[in-house]
Amino acid sequence: LWSRAVFEMVLVFRSPAYVILILLALALAVVTLLFTGEIYGAPIILVTRVVITALTGAFGLISMVIAIYYAGELVWRDRDRKVHEIVDASSTPDWTFLIPKTLALALVLISTLLIGVLAGVVTQTIKGHTDFEFGKYLLWYLVPQGLSFTLMAVLAIFVQALSPNKFVGWAITV
């Protein structure tokens, strides 16, 4: 299970589209955090709770795009490369191929959360706030968003596994 999940994750991490999407998400998060400067007209210090609130909105759309795109790529990769008949003829059950893809997609989405924490810390440093509360990042951002992204990965893989075509699966997931 773990070796298959690592194999699937490496395919995603080496993809140029993933790098572009992560850089886009990082830039979007930093810009969002740089312009988060006042609440009701009063200037604020960029504390961790403000960063987490801004990051939750900034990374939502990019993570959905990553989940939808890579669910289709992971599920339909065998068919695109014409090895699905060999995989289907093997004696292993189907879950041994779907669960690692789901786990890999969930871990890729969680990696986007870690990029968000990095963007938050960098922006806090730029704005002069050096009291990084990593426990709050973990408990208020990584854990709840990680669970949400894991459920998103399960749903995206499930829809792709049931769809008759990669593009139909993308449309249904959207």
N, C-alpha and C. Protein backbone atom coordinates (compact mmCIF):
# COMPACT_ATOMS: atom_id res chain seq x y z
N LEU A 1 0.83 -1.19 0.00
CA LEU A 1 0.00 0.00 0.00
C LEU A 1 0.87 1.25 0.00
N TRP A 2 1.83 1.27 0.91
CA TRP A 2 2.67 2.46 1.02
C TRP A 2 3.53 2.65 -0.23
N SER A 3 4.09 1.57 -0.75
CA SER A 3 4.95 1.72 -1.94
C SER A 3 4.14 2.16 -3.15
N ARG A 4 2.91 1.68 -3.29
CA ARG A 4 2.06 2.13 -4.39
C ARG A 4 1.68 3.60 -4.21
N ALA A 5 1.39 4.00 -2.96
CA ALA A 5 1.03 5.39 -2.70
C ALA A 5 2.22 6.31 -2.98
N VAL A 6 3.41 5.89 -2.59
CA VAL A 6 4.61 6.69 -2.88
C VAL A 6 4.84 6.78 -4.38
N PHE A 7 4.62 5.69 -5.09
CA PHE A 7 4.76 5.68 -6.55
C PHE A 7 3.80 6.69 -7.18
N GLU A 8 2.55 6.68 -6.74
CA GLU A 8 1.55 7.61 -7.29
C GLU A 8 1.89 9.05 -6.92
N MET A 9 2.37 9.29 -5.69
CA MET A 9 2.73 10.64 -5.26
C MET A 9 3.90 11.18 -6.07
N VAL A 10 4.88 10.35 -6.33
CA VAL A 10 6.05 10.78 -7.10
C VAL A 10 5.63 11.20 -8.51
N LEU A 11 4.68 10.48 -9.09
CA LEU A 11 4.20 10.86 -10.41
C LEU A 11 3.55 12.24 -10.40
N VAL A 12 2.84 12.54 -9.32
CA VAL A 12 2.19 13.85 -9.22
C VAL A 12 3.23 14.93 -8.93
N PHE A 13 4.14 14.67 -7.99
CA PHE A 13 5.12 15.68 -7.60
C PHE A 13 6.07 16.02 -8.74
N ARG A 14 6.35 15.09 -9.63
CA ARG A 14 7.25 15.36 -10.75
C ARG A 14 6.55 16.03 -11.93
N SER A 15 5.26 16.13 -11.85
CA SER A 15 4.50 16.72 -12.93
C SER A 15 4.72 18.23 -12.99
N PRO A 16 4.96 18.79 -14.17
CA PRO A 16 5.14 20.23 -14.27
C PRO A 16 3.87 21.01 -13.90
N ALA A 17 2.72 20.42 -14.13
CA ALA A 17 1.46 21.10 -13.78
C ALA A 17 1.35 21.28 -12.28
N TYR A 18 1.81 20.31 -11.50
CA TYR A 18 1.76 20.43 -10.04
C TYR A 18 2.65 21.57 -9.57
N VAL A 19 3.84 21.66 -10.13
CA VAL A 19 4.76 22.73 -9.73
C VAL A 19 4.16 24.09 -10.07
N ILE A 20 3.56 24.21 -11.24
CA ILE A 20 2.95 25.48 -11.63
C ILE A 20 1.78 25.82 -10.71
N LEU A 21 0.94 24.84 -10.40
CA LEU A 21 -0.20 25.10 -9.52
C LEU A 21 0.25 25.47 -8.11
N ILE A 22 1.29 24.83 -7.62
CA ILE A 22 1.79 25.16 -6.28
C ILE A 22 2.40 26.55 -6.25
N LEU A 23 3.16 26.90 -7.28
CA LEU A 23 3.72 28.25 -7.33
C LEU A 23 2.63 29.31 -7.46
N LEU A 24 1.59 29.00 -8.22
CA LEU A 24 0.45 29.90 -8.33
C LEU A 24 -0.26 30.05 -6.99
N ALA A 25 -0.45 28.95 -6.29
CA ALA A 25 -1.10 29.00 -4.97
C ALA A 25 -0.24 29.76 -3.97
N LEU A 26 1.06 29.55 -4.02
CA LEU A 26 1.97 30.27 -3.12
C LEU A 26 1.92 31.77 -3.38
N ALA A 27 1.96 32.16 -4.65
CA ALA A 27 1.89 33.58 -4.99
C ALA A 27 0.55 34.18 -4.58
N LEU A 28 -0.53 33.45 -4.82
CA LEU A 28 -1.86 33.93 -4.44
C LEU A 28 -1.97 34.10 -2.93
N ALA A 29 -1.43 33.15 -2.18
CA ALA A 29 -1.49 33.23 -0.72
C ALA A 29 -0.66 34.40 -0.20
N VAL A 30 0.54 34.59 -0.74
CA VAL A 30 1.39 35.69 -0.27
C VAL A 30 0.75 37.03 -0.59
N VAL A 31 0.20 37.17 -1.79
CA VAL A 31 -0.46 38.43 -2.16
C VAL A 31 -1.68 38.67 -1.27
N THR A 32 -2.45 37.63 -1.04
CA THR A 32 -3.62 37.77 -0.17
C THR A 32 -3.20 38.19 1.23
N LEU A 33 -2.15 37.59 1.75
CA LEU A 33 -1.70 37.91 3.10
C LEU A 33 -1.05 39.29 3.17
N LEU A 34 -0.38 39.71 2.11
CA LEU A 34 0.23 41.04 2.12
C LEU A 34 -0.83 42.14 2.14
N PHE A 35 -1.97 41.89 1.51
CA PHE A 35 -3.02 42.90 1.47
C PHE A 35 -4.06 42.72 2.57
N THR A 36 -3.83 41.75 3.46
CA THR A 36 -4.68 41.62 4.63
C THR A 36 -4.10 42.54 5.68
N GLY A 37 -4.62 43.75 5.74
CA GLY A 37 -3.98 44.73 6.60
C GLY A 37 -4.90 45.46 7.55
N GLU A 38 -6.21 45.36 7.35
CA GLU A 38 -7.08 46.09 8.26
C GLU A 38 -8.43 45.40 8.37
N ILE A 39 -9.03 45.58 9.52
CA ILE A 39 -10.37 45.07 9.78
C ILE A 39 -11.21 46.26 10.21
N TYR A 40 -12.28 46.51 9.49
CA TYR A 40 -13.17 47.65 9.75
C TYR A 40 -12.39 48.97 9.79
N GLY A 41 -11.40 49.12 8.94
CA GLY A 41 -10.65 50.36 8.84
C GLY A 41 -9.51 50.50 9.82
N ALA A 42 -9.36 49.57 10.75
CA ALA A 42 -8.28 49.64 11.73
C ALA A 42 -7.15 48.70 11.31
N PRO A 43 -5.91 49.19 11.33
CA PRO A 43 -4.79 48.31 10.94
C PRO A 43 -4.62 47.18 11.96
N ILE A 44 -4.20 46.02 11.45
CA ILE A 44 -4.03 44.85 12.32
C ILE A 44 -2.62 44.31 12.20
N ILE A 45 -2.24 43.58 13.22
CA ILE A 45 -0.98 42.83 13.18
C ILE A 45 -1.31 41.47 12.58
N LEU A 46 -0.45 40.97 11.74
CA LEU A 46 -0.70 39.71 11.04
C LEU A 46 -0.40 38.54 11.98
N VAL A 47 -1.33 38.26 12.89
CA VAL A 47 -1.18 37.16 13.83
C VAL A 47 -1.64 35.87 13.16
N THR A 48 -1.41 34.77 13.82
CA THR A 48 -1.65 33.45 13.22
C THR A 48 -3.12 33.25 12.87
N ARG A 49 -4.05 33.68 13.70
CA ARG A 49 -5.47 33.44 13.40
C ARG A 49 -5.91 34.20 12.17
N VAL A 50 -5.35 35.38 11.93
CA VAL A 50 -5.67 36.15 10.72
C VAL A 50 -5.08 35.45 9.50
N VAL A 51 -3.88 34.94 9.64
CA VAL A 51 -3.23 34.22 8.53
C VAL A 51 -4.02 32.98 8.18
N ILE A 52 -4.46 32.24 9.18
CA ILE A 52 -5.21 31.01 8.94
C ILE A 52 -6.53 31.30 8.24
N THR A 53 -7.20 32.36 8.65
CA THR A 53 -8.46 32.73 8.01
C THR A 53 -8.23 33.09 6.54
N ALA A 54 -7.18 33.83 6.26
CA ALA A 54 -6.89 34.21 4.88
C ALA A 54 -6.46 33.01 4.05
N LEU A 55 -5.67 32.12 4.64
CA LEU A 55 -5.20 30.95 3.89
C LEU A 55 -6.32 29.98 3.57
N THR A 56 -7.28 29.88 4.45
CA THR A 56 -8.40 28.96 4.21
C THR A 56 -9.13 29.33 2.94
N GLY A 57 -9.29 30.61 2.70
CA GLY A 57 -9.94 31.03 1.47
C GLY A 57 -9.02 30.98 0.26
N ALA A 58 -7.75 31.28 0.45
CA ALA A 58 -6.83 31.37 -0.68
C ALA A 58 -6.49 30.02 -1.29
N PHE A 59 -6.39 28.98 -0.48
CA PHE A 59 -5.96 27.68 -0.99
C PHE A 59 -7.12 26.77 -1.38
N GLY A 60 -8.34 27.19 -1.14
CA GLY A 60 -9.49 26.34 -1.44
C GLY A 60 -9.64 26.02 -2.91
N LEU A 61 -9.59 27.05 -3.74
CA LEU A 61 -9.81 26.86 -5.18
C LEU A 61 -8.66 26.08 -5.82
N ILE A 62 -7.44 26.43 -5.48
CA ILE A 62 -6.28 25.73 -6.07
C ILE A 62 -6.30 24.25 -5.67
N SER A 63 -6.64 23.97 -4.43
CA SER A 63 -6.69 22.57 -3.98
C SER A 63 -7.78 21.79 -4.69
N MET A 64 -8.91 22.43 -4.96
CA MET A 64 -9.96 21.74 -5.72
C MET A 64 -9.51 21.44 -7.14
N VAL A 65 -8.81 22.37 -7.74
CA VAL A 65 -8.31 22.15 -9.10
C VAL A 65 -7.32 20.98 -9.10
N ILE A 66 -6.42 20.96 -8.12
CA ILE A 66 -5.45 19.87 -8.01
C ILE A 66 -6.17 18.54 -7.81
N ALA A 67 -7.16 18.51 -6.93
CA ALA A 67 -7.88 17.26 -6.64
C ALA A 67 -8.62 16.76 -7.87
N ILE A 68 -9.31 17.65 -8.57
CA ILE A 68 -10.09 17.23 -9.73
C ILE A 68 -9.17 16.77 -10.86
N TYR A 69 -8.15 17.54 -11.15
CA TYR A 69 -7.26 17.20 -12.26
C TYR A 69 -6.50 15.90 -12.00
N TYR A 70 -5.88 15.80 -10.83
CA TYR A 70 -5.04 14.63 -10.58
C TYR A 70 -5.84 13.37 -10.25
N ALA A 71 -7.08 13.50 -9.82
CA ALA A 71 -7.91 12.30 -9.67
C ALA A 71 -8.12 11.66 -11.03
N GLY A 72 -8.41 12.48 -12.02
CA GLY A 72 -8.57 11.94 -13.37
C GLY A 72 -7.29 11.36 -13.91
N GLU A 73 -6.19 12.05 -13.66
CA GLU A 73 -4.90 11.56 -14.16
C GLU A 73 -4.50 10.25 -13.48
N LEU A 74 -4.71 10.14 -12.19
CA LEU A 74 -4.30 8.94 -11.47
C LEU A 74 -5.17 7.74 -11.84
N VAL A 75 -6.47 7.95 -11.94
CA VAL A 75 -7.38 6.83 -12.21
C VAL A 75 -7.26 6.37 -13.66
N TRP A 76 -7.12 7.30 -14.58
CA TRP A 76 -7.15 6.96 -16.00
C TRP A 76 -5.76 6.78 -16.61
N ARG A 77 -4.69 6.87 -15.82
CA ARG A 77 -3.34 6.74 -16.35
C ARG A 77 -3.11 5.36 -16.98
N ASP A 78 -3.59 4.29 -16.34
CA ASP A 78 -3.38 2.95 -16.88
C ASP A 78 -4.08 2.78 -18.22
N ARG A 79 -5.27 3.35 -18.35
CA ARG A 79 -6.00 3.23 -19.61
C ARG A 79 -5.36 4.07 -20.70
N ASP A 80 -4.86 5.23 -20.33
CA ASP A 80 -4.21 6.08 -21.33
C ASP A 80 -2.94 5.43 -21.88
N ARG A 81 -2.26 4.66 -21.04
CA ARG A 81 -1.01 4.01 -21.47
C ARG A 81 -1.22 2.58 -21.94
N LYS A 82 -2.48 2.17 -22.02
CA LYS A 82 -2.87 0.86 -22.56
C LYS A 82 -2.33 -0.33 -21.76
N VAL A 83 -2.24 -0.18 -20.44
CA VAL A 83 -1.84 -1.31 -19.59
C VAL A 83 -2.98 -1.73 -18.66
N HIS A 84 -4.16 -1.16 -18.83
CA HIS A 84 -5.27 -1.47 -17.93
C HIS A 84 -5.73 -2.92 -18.05
N GLU A 85 -5.59 -3.53 -19.21
CA GLU A 85 -6.00 -4.92 -19.35
C GLU A 85 -5.06 -5.85 -18.58
N ILE A 86 -3.80 -5.52 -18.54
CA ILE A 86 -2.85 -6.32 -17.76
C ILE A 86 -3.13 -6.17 -16.27
N VAL A 87 -3.40 -4.94 -15.85
CA VAL A 87 -3.70 -4.69 -14.43
C VAL A 87 -5.00 -5.38 -14.04
N ASP A 88 -6.03 -5.31 -14.90
CA ASP A 88 -7.30 -5.95 -14.60
C ASP A 88 -7.21 -7.47 -14.59
N ALA A 89 -6.28 -8.03 -15.35
CA ALA A 89 -6.13 -9.48 -15.40
C ALA A 89 -5.35 -10.04 -14.22
N SER A 90 -4.71 -9.17 -13.45
CA SER A 90 -3.94 -9.66 -12.29
C SER A 90 -4.89 -10.15 -11.20
N SER A 91 -4.36 -10.95 -10.31
CA SER A 91 -5.19 -11.56 -9.27
C SER A 91 -5.41 -10.65 -8.06
N THR A 92 -4.85 -9.47 -8.07
CA THR A 92 -5.03 -8.56 -6.94
C THR A 92 -6.39 -7.89 -7.01
N PRO A 93 -6.98 -7.63 -5.85
CA PRO A 93 -8.29 -6.96 -5.85
C PRO A 93 -8.17 -5.49 -6.30
N ASP A 94 -9.30 -4.94 -6.73
CA ASP A 94 -9.30 -3.57 -7.26
C ASP A 94 -8.92 -2.54 -6.22
N TRP A 95 -9.23 -2.78 -4.96
CA TRP A 95 -8.93 -1.77 -3.92
C TRP A 95 -7.44 -1.55 -3.76
N THR A 96 -6.63 -2.53 -4.14
CA THR A 96 -5.18 -2.35 -4.00
C THR A 96 -4.63 -1.33 -4.98
N PHE A 97 -5.44 -0.97 -5.97
CA PHE A 97 -5.01 0.06 -6.90
C PHE A 97 -5.70 1.41 -6.61
N LEU A 98 -6.91 1.38 -6.05
CA LEU A 98 -7.64 2.62 -5.80
C LEU A 98 -7.24 3.29 -4.48
N ILE A 99 -7.02 2.53 -3.44
CA ILE A 99 -6.68 3.12 -2.14
C ILE A 99 -5.32 3.83 -2.18
N PRO A 100 -4.29 3.29 -2.80
CA PRO A 100 -3.05 4.07 -2.91
C PRO A 100 -3.21 5.36 -3.71
N LYS A 101 -4.05 5.34 -4.73
CA LYS A 101 -4.28 6.57 -5.50
C LYS A 101 -4.99 7.60 -4.63
N THR A 102 -5.94 7.15 -3.83
CA THR A 102 -6.65 8.06 -2.93
C THR A 102 -5.71 8.60 -1.87
N LEU A 103 -4.90 7.74 -1.29
CA LEU A 103 -3.94 8.17 -0.28
C LEU A 103 -2.92 9.14 -0.88
N ALA A 104 -2.46 8.85 -2.08
CA ALA A 104 -1.49 9.73 -2.74
C ALA A 104 -2.11 11.10 -3.01
N LEU A 105 -3.34 11.13 -3.49
CA LEU A 105 -4.00 12.41 -3.75
C LEU A 105 -4.23 13.18 -2.47
N ALA A 106 -4.60 12.48 -1.40
CA ALA A 106 -4.80 13.16 -0.11
C ALA A 106 -3.48 13.74 0.40
N LEU A 107 -2.39 13.00 0.27
CA LEU A 107 -1.10 13.51 0.72
C LEU A 107 -0.60 14.67 -0.15
N VAL A 108 -0.91 14.64 -1.42
CA VAL A 108 -0.56 15.76 -2.29
C VAL A 108 -1.34 17.00 -1.86
N LEU A 109 -2.61 16.84 -1.56
CA LEU A 109 -3.41 17.98 -1.11
C LEU A 109 -2.93 18.50 0.25
N ILE A 110 -2.51 17.61 1.11
CA ILE A 110 -1.96 18.04 2.41
C ILE A 110 -0.64 18.77 2.21
N SER A 111 0.11 18.39 1.17
CA SER A 111 1.34 19.13 0.89
C SER A 111 1.05 20.57 0.48
N THR A 112 -0.10 20.80 -0.16
CA THR A 112 -0.47 22.18 -0.48
C THR A 112 -0.76 22.97 0.80
N LEU A 113 -1.27 22.30 1.81
CA LEU A 113 -1.49 22.98 3.10
C LEU A 113 -0.16 23.37 3.73
N LEU A 114 0.82 22.51 3.61
CA LEU A 114 2.14 22.84 4.15
C LEU A 114 2.76 24.02 3.41
N ILE A 115 2.51 24.11 2.11
CA ILE A 115 2.96 25.28 1.35
C ILE A 115 2.25 26.52 1.85
N GLY A 116 0.98 26.39 2.22
CA GLY A 116 0.23 27.51 2.78
C GLY A 116 0.80 27.98 4.09
N VAL A 117 1.19 27.04 4.95
CA VAL A 117 1.83 27.42 6.22
C VAL A 117 3.14 28.14 5.95
N LEU A 118 3.91 27.65 4.98
CA LEU A 118 5.15 28.32 4.61
C LEU A 118 4.88 29.74 4.13
N ALA A 119 3.85 29.92 3.30
CA ALA A 119 3.49 31.26 2.84
C ALA A 119 3.08 32.15 4.00
N GLY A 120 2.35 31.60 4.96
CA GLY A 120 1.94 32.38 6.12
C GLY A 120 3.11 32.81 6.97
N VAL A 121 4.04 31.92 7.20
CA VAL A 121 5.21 32.25 8.03
C VAL A 121 6.08 33.29 7.33
N VAL A 122 6.27 33.11 6.01
CA VAL A 122 7.09 34.08 5.26
C VAL A 122 6.43 35.45 5.29
N THR A 123 5.13 35.50 5.10
CA THR A 123 4.44 36.79 5.10
C THR A 123 4.44 37.42 6.48
N GLN A 124 4.29 36.61 7.52
CA GLN A 124 4.38 37.15 8.88
C GLN A 124 5.76 37.74 9.12
N THR A 125 6.78 37.07 8.64
CA THR A 125 8.15 37.59 8.80
C THR A 125 8.33 38.90 8.04
N ILE A 126 7.81 38.97 6.83
CA ILE A 126 7.92 40.19 6.04
C ILE A 126 7.22 41.35 6.73
N LYS A 127 6.07 41.06 7.33
CA LYS A 127 5.30 42.13 7.98
C LYS A 127 5.81 42.43 9.40
N GLY A 128 6.83 41.72 9.87
CA GLY A 128 7.45 42.04 11.15
C GLY A 128 6.92 41.29 12.35
N HIS A 129 6.04 40.34 12.15
CA HIS A 129 5.51 39.56 13.26
C HIS A 129 6.27 38.24 13.33
N THR A 130 7.00 38.02 14.43
CA THR A 130 7.85 36.83 14.50
C THR A 130 7.38 35.82 15.54
N ASP A 131 6.19 35.98 16.07
CA ASP A 131 5.65 35.02 17.03
C ASP A 131 4.85 33.96 16.26
N PHE A 132 5.57 32.99 15.71
CA PHE A 132 4.92 31.96 14.92
C PHE A 132 4.33 30.92 15.87
N GLU A 133 3.05 30.70 15.77
CA GLU A 133 2.37 29.74 16.63
C GLU A 133 2.09 28.48 15.81
N PHE A 134 3.10 27.61 15.74
CA PHE A 134 2.98 26.42 14.89
C PHE A 134 1.94 25.44 15.41
N GLY A 135 1.70 25.44 16.70
CA GLY A 135 0.64 24.60 17.25
C GLY A 135 -0.73 25.00 16.73
N LYS A 136 -0.95 26.30 16.61
CA LYS A 136 -2.22 26.78 16.05
C LYS A 136 -2.31 26.49 14.56
N TYR A 137 -1.20 26.62 13.86
CA TYR A 137 -1.22 26.23 12.45
C TYR A 137 -1.62 24.76 12.33
N LEU A 138 -1.10 23.92 13.19
CA LEU A 138 -1.40 22.50 13.13
C LEU A 138 -2.85 22.22 13.49
N LEU A 139 -3.30 22.74 14.64
CA LEU A 139 -4.63 22.39 15.14
C LEU A 139 -5.76 23.15 14.46
N TRP A 140 -5.51 24.36 14.01
CA TRP A 140 -6.59 25.16 13.43
C TRP A 140 -6.59 25.13 11.91
N TYR A 141 -5.47 24.77 11.31
CA TYR A 141 -5.40 24.82 9.85
C TYR A 141 -5.10 23.46 9.23
N LEU A 142 -4.00 22.84 9.63
CA LEU A 142 -3.58 21.60 8.97
C LEU A 142 -4.54 20.44 9.23
N VAL A 143 -4.94 20.24 10.47
CA VAL A 143 -5.80 19.09 10.79
C VAL A 143 -7.20 19.24 10.17
N PRO A 144 -7.92 20.36 10.42
CA PRO A 144 -9.27 20.43 9.83
C PRO A 144 -9.26 20.48 8.29
N GLN A 145 -8.35 21.26 7.73
CA GLN A 145 -8.28 21.33 6.28
C GLN A 145 -7.77 20.01 5.69
N GLY A 146 -6.87 19.34 6.41
CA GLY A 146 -6.38 18.04 5.95
C GLY A 146 -7.49 17.02 5.88
N LEU A 147 -8.38 17.02 6.86
CA LEU A 147 -9.54 16.11 6.83
C LEU A 147 -10.47 16.47 5.66
N SER A 148 -10.70 17.75 5.47
CA SER A 148 -11.56 18.17 4.35
C SER A 148 -10.95 17.78 3.01
N PHE A 149 -9.65 17.97 2.88
CA PHE A 149 -8.99 17.64 1.62
C PHE A 149 -8.93 16.14 1.41
N THR A 150 -8.81 15.37 2.48
CA THR A 150 -8.84 13.91 2.35
C THR A 150 -10.20 13.45 1.85
N LEU A 151 -11.27 14.04 2.38
CA LEU A 151 -12.61 13.70 1.90
C LEU A 151 -12.80 14.13 0.45
N MET A 152 -12.22 15.27 0.09
CA MET A 152 -12.27 15.72 -1.30
C MET A 152 -11.54 14.73 -2.21
N ALA A 153 -10.41 14.22 -1.75
CA ALA A 153 -9.66 13.23 -2.55
C ALA A 153 -10.46 11.95 -2.72
N VAL A 154 -11.10 11.50 -1.65
CA VAL A 154 -11.92 10.28 -1.73
C VAL A 154 -13.06 10.47 -2.72
N LEU A 155 -13.72 11.62 -2.65
CA LEU A 155 -14.83 11.88 -3.56
C LEU A 155 -14.35 11.97 -5.01
N ALA A 156 -13.25 12.65 -5.24
CA ALA A 156 -12.76 12.82 -6.61
C ALA A 156 -12.34 11.47 -7.21
N ILE A 157 -11.65 10.65 -6.44
CA ILE A 157 -11.24 9.32 -6.94
C ILE A 157 -12.48 8.44 -7.16
N PHE A 158 -13.44 8.51 -6.26
CA PHE A 158 -14.67 7.73 -6.39
C PHE A 158 -15.42 8.08 -7.67
N VAL A 159 -15.57 9.37 -7.92
CA VAL A 159 -16.28 9.81 -9.12
C VAL A 159 -15.53 9.37 -10.37
N GLN A 160 -14.21 9.50 -10.37
CA GLN A 160 -13.43 9.09 -11.54
C GLN A 160 -13.49 7.58 -11.75
N ALA A 161 -13.52 6.83 -10.66
CA ALA A 161 -13.57 5.37 -10.79
C ALA A 161 -14.90 4.90 -11.38
N LEU A 162 -15.96 5.66 -11.14
CA LEU A 162 -17.27 5.27 -11.65
C LEU A 162 -17.60 5.89 -13.01
N SER A 163 -16.88 6.90 -13.41
CA SER A 163 -17.22 7.59 -14.65
C SER A 163 -16.73 6.79 -15.87
N PRO A 164 -17.45 6.92 -16.97
CA PRO A 164 -17.05 6.18 -18.17
C PRO A 164 -15.89 6.80 -18.94
N ASN A 165 -15.51 8.02 -18.55
CA ASN A 165 -14.49 8.75 -19.30
C ASN A 165 -13.85 9.74 -18.33
N LYS A 166 -12.58 10.06 -18.55
CA LYS A 166 -11.88 10.99 -17.69
C LYS A 166 -12.53 12.37 -17.72
N PHE A 167 -12.92 12.82 -18.90
CA PHE A 167 -13.49 14.15 -19.04
C PHE A 167 -14.89 14.24 -18.42
N VAL A 168 -15.64 13.18 -18.53
CA VAL A 168 -16.96 13.13 -17.88
C VAL A 168 -16.76 13.15 -16.37
N GLY A 169 -15.77 12.43 -15.88
CA GLY A 169 -15.47 12.43 -14.45
C GLY A 169 -15.06 13.81 -13.97
N TRP A 170 -14.28 14.52 -14.77
CA TRP A 170 -13.91 15.89 -14.40
C TRP A 170 -15.15 16.78 -14.32
N ALA A 171 -16.03 16.64 -15.32
CA ALA A 171 -17.25 17.48 -15.33
C ALA A 171 -18.15 17.16 -14.15
N ILE A 172 -18.31 15.90 -13.83
CA ILE A 172 -19.14 15.52 -12.68
C ILE A 172 -18.53 16.02 -11.38
N THR A 173 -17.24 15.90 -11.25
CA THR A 173 -16.56 16.35 -10.02
C THR A 173 -16.66 17.86 -9.87
N VAL A 174 -16.54 18.59 -10.96
CA VAL A 174 -16.70 20.05 -10.88
C VAL A 174 -18.09 20.38 -10.43
